[in-house]
Amino acid sequence: MLVLAILTKTLEANGQLDNTLILFVSDNGASAEGGEFGFERRPGGTLGTANSFAS
């Protein structure tokens, strides 16, 4: 977290630390289930039911 320390010290030195929101975001990567949206839809399955997705 050295970069965070450098960032906060620089912001503080410039008087901008109190006006700054620091966010940490993460992405767990691609889904391994397959399909365009990370899942496969069964043809003819009623949307929102258990039989609408492949397992």
C-alpha atoms as a PDB file:
ATOM      1  CA  MET A   1       0.000   0.000   0.000  1.00  0.00           C
ATOM      2  CA  LEU A   2       2.940   2.297  -0.545  1.00  0.00           C
ATOM      3  CA  VAL A   3       1.116   3.931  -3.449  1.00  0.00           C
ATOM      4  CA  LEU A   4      -1.791   4.838  -1.158  1.00  0.00           C
ATOM      5  CA  ALA A   5       0.602   6.447   1.325  1.00  0.00           C
ATOM      6  CA  ILE A   6       2.241   8.487  -1.439  1.00  0.00           C
ATOM      7  CA  LEU A   7      -1.158   9.516  -2.782  1.00  0.00           C
ATOM      8  CA  THR A   8      -2.502  10.652   0.589  1.00  0.00           C
ATOM      9  CA  LYS A   9       0.684  12.519   1.475  1.00  0.00           C
ATOM     10  CA  THR A  10       0.651  14.321  -1.873  1.00  0.00           C
ATOM     11  CA  LEU A  11      -3.020  15.226  -1.532  1.00  0.00           C
ATOM     12  CA  GLU A  12      -2.426  16.452   2.011  1.00  0.00           C
ATOM     13  CA  ALA A  13       0.579  18.538   0.944  1.00  0.00           C
ATOM     14  CA  ASN A  14      -1.561  20.170  -1.760  1.00  0.00           C
ATOM     15  CA  GLY A  15      -4.468  20.780   0.623  1.00  0.00           C
ATOM     16  CA  GLN A  16      -6.782  18.458  -1.284  1.00  0.00           C
ATOM     17  CA  LEU A  17      -7.033  15.453   1.027  1.00  0.00           C
ATOM     18  CA  ASP A  18     -10.248  16.698   2.671  1.00  0.00           C
ATOM     19  CA  ASN A  19     -11.810  17.176  -0.791  1.00  0.00           C
ATOM     20  CA  THR A  20     -10.907  13.728  -2.076  1.00  0.00           C
ATOM     21  CA  LEU A  21     -12.820  10.455  -2.066  1.00  0.00           C
ATOM     22  CA  ILE A  22     -10.636   7.386  -2.546  1.00  0.00           C
ATOM     23  CA  LEU A  23     -12.435   4.268  -3.741  1.00  0.00           C
ATOM     24  CA  PHE A  24     -11.132   0.736  -3.994  1.00  0.00           C
ATOM     25  CA  VAL A  25     -12.844  -1.402  -6.610  1.00  0.00           C
ATOM     26  CA  SER A  26     -12.320  -4.983  -7.612  1.00  0.00           C
ATOM     27  CA  ASP A  27     -13.379  -7.279 -10.410  1.00  0.00           C
ATOM     28  CA  ASN A  28     -13.250 -11.021  -9.914  1.00  0.00           C
ATOM     29  CA  GLY A  29     -12.666 -11.613 -13.613  1.00  0.00           C
ATOM     30  CA  ALA A  30     -14.560 -13.483 -16.249  1.00  0.00           C
ATOM     31  CA  SER A  31     -17.190 -16.064 -15.456  1.00  0.00           C
ATOM     32  CA  ALA A  32     -16.286 -19.670 -16.224  1.00  0.00           C
ATOM     33  CA  GLU A  33     -19.883 -20.826 -16.711  1.00  0.00           C
ATOM     34  CA  GLY A  34     -19.946 -19.886 -20.389  1.00  0.00           C
ATOM     35  CA  GLY A  35     -22.415 -17.940 -22.465  1.00  0.00           C
ATOM     36  CA  GLU A  36     -22.416 -14.277 -23.340  1.00  0.00           C
ATOM     37  CA  PHE A  37     -23.421 -13.142 -19.844  1.00  0.00           C
ATOM     38  CA  GLY A  38     -21.724 -15.892 -17.825  1.00  0.00           C
ATOM     39  CA  PHE A  39     -24.584 -18.361 -18.100  1.00  0.00           C
ATOM     40  CA  GLU A  40     -26.394 -20.311 -20.773  1.00  0.00           C
ATOM     41  CA  ARG A  41     -30.123 -20.012 -21.256  1.00  0.00           C
ATOM     42  CA  ARG A  42     -32.134 -23.116 -22.095  1.00  0.00           C
ATOM     43  CA  PRO A  43     -34.277 -22.720 -25.203  1.00  0.00           C
ATOM     44  CA  GLY A  44     -37.972 -22.692 -24.289  1.00  0.00           C
ATOM     45  CA  GLY A  45     -37.389 -22.243 -20.563  1.00  0.00           C
ATOM     46  CA  THR A  46     -39.602 -19.762 -18.779  1.00  0.00           C
ATOM     47  CA  LEU A  47     -37.486 -16.754 -17.898  1.00  0.00           C
ATOM     48  CA  GLY A  48     -36.814 -16.509 -14.173  1.00  0.00           C
ATOM     49  CA  THR A  49     -37.520 -20.159 -13.375  1.00  0.00           C
ATOM     50  CA  ALA A  50     -35.086 -22.922 -12.514  1.00  0.00           C
ATOM     51  CA  ASN A  51     -35.610 -24.594 -15.898  1.00  0.00           C
ATOM     52  CA  SER A  52     -34.579 -21.486 -17.832  1.00  0.00           C
ATOM     53  CA  PHE A  53     -30.839 -21.928 -17.165  1.00  0.00           C
ATOM     54  CA  ALA A  54     -28.467 -24.740 -17.967  1.00  0.00           C
ATOM     55  CA  SER A  55     -26.784 -26.293 -14.962  1.00  0.00           C
END
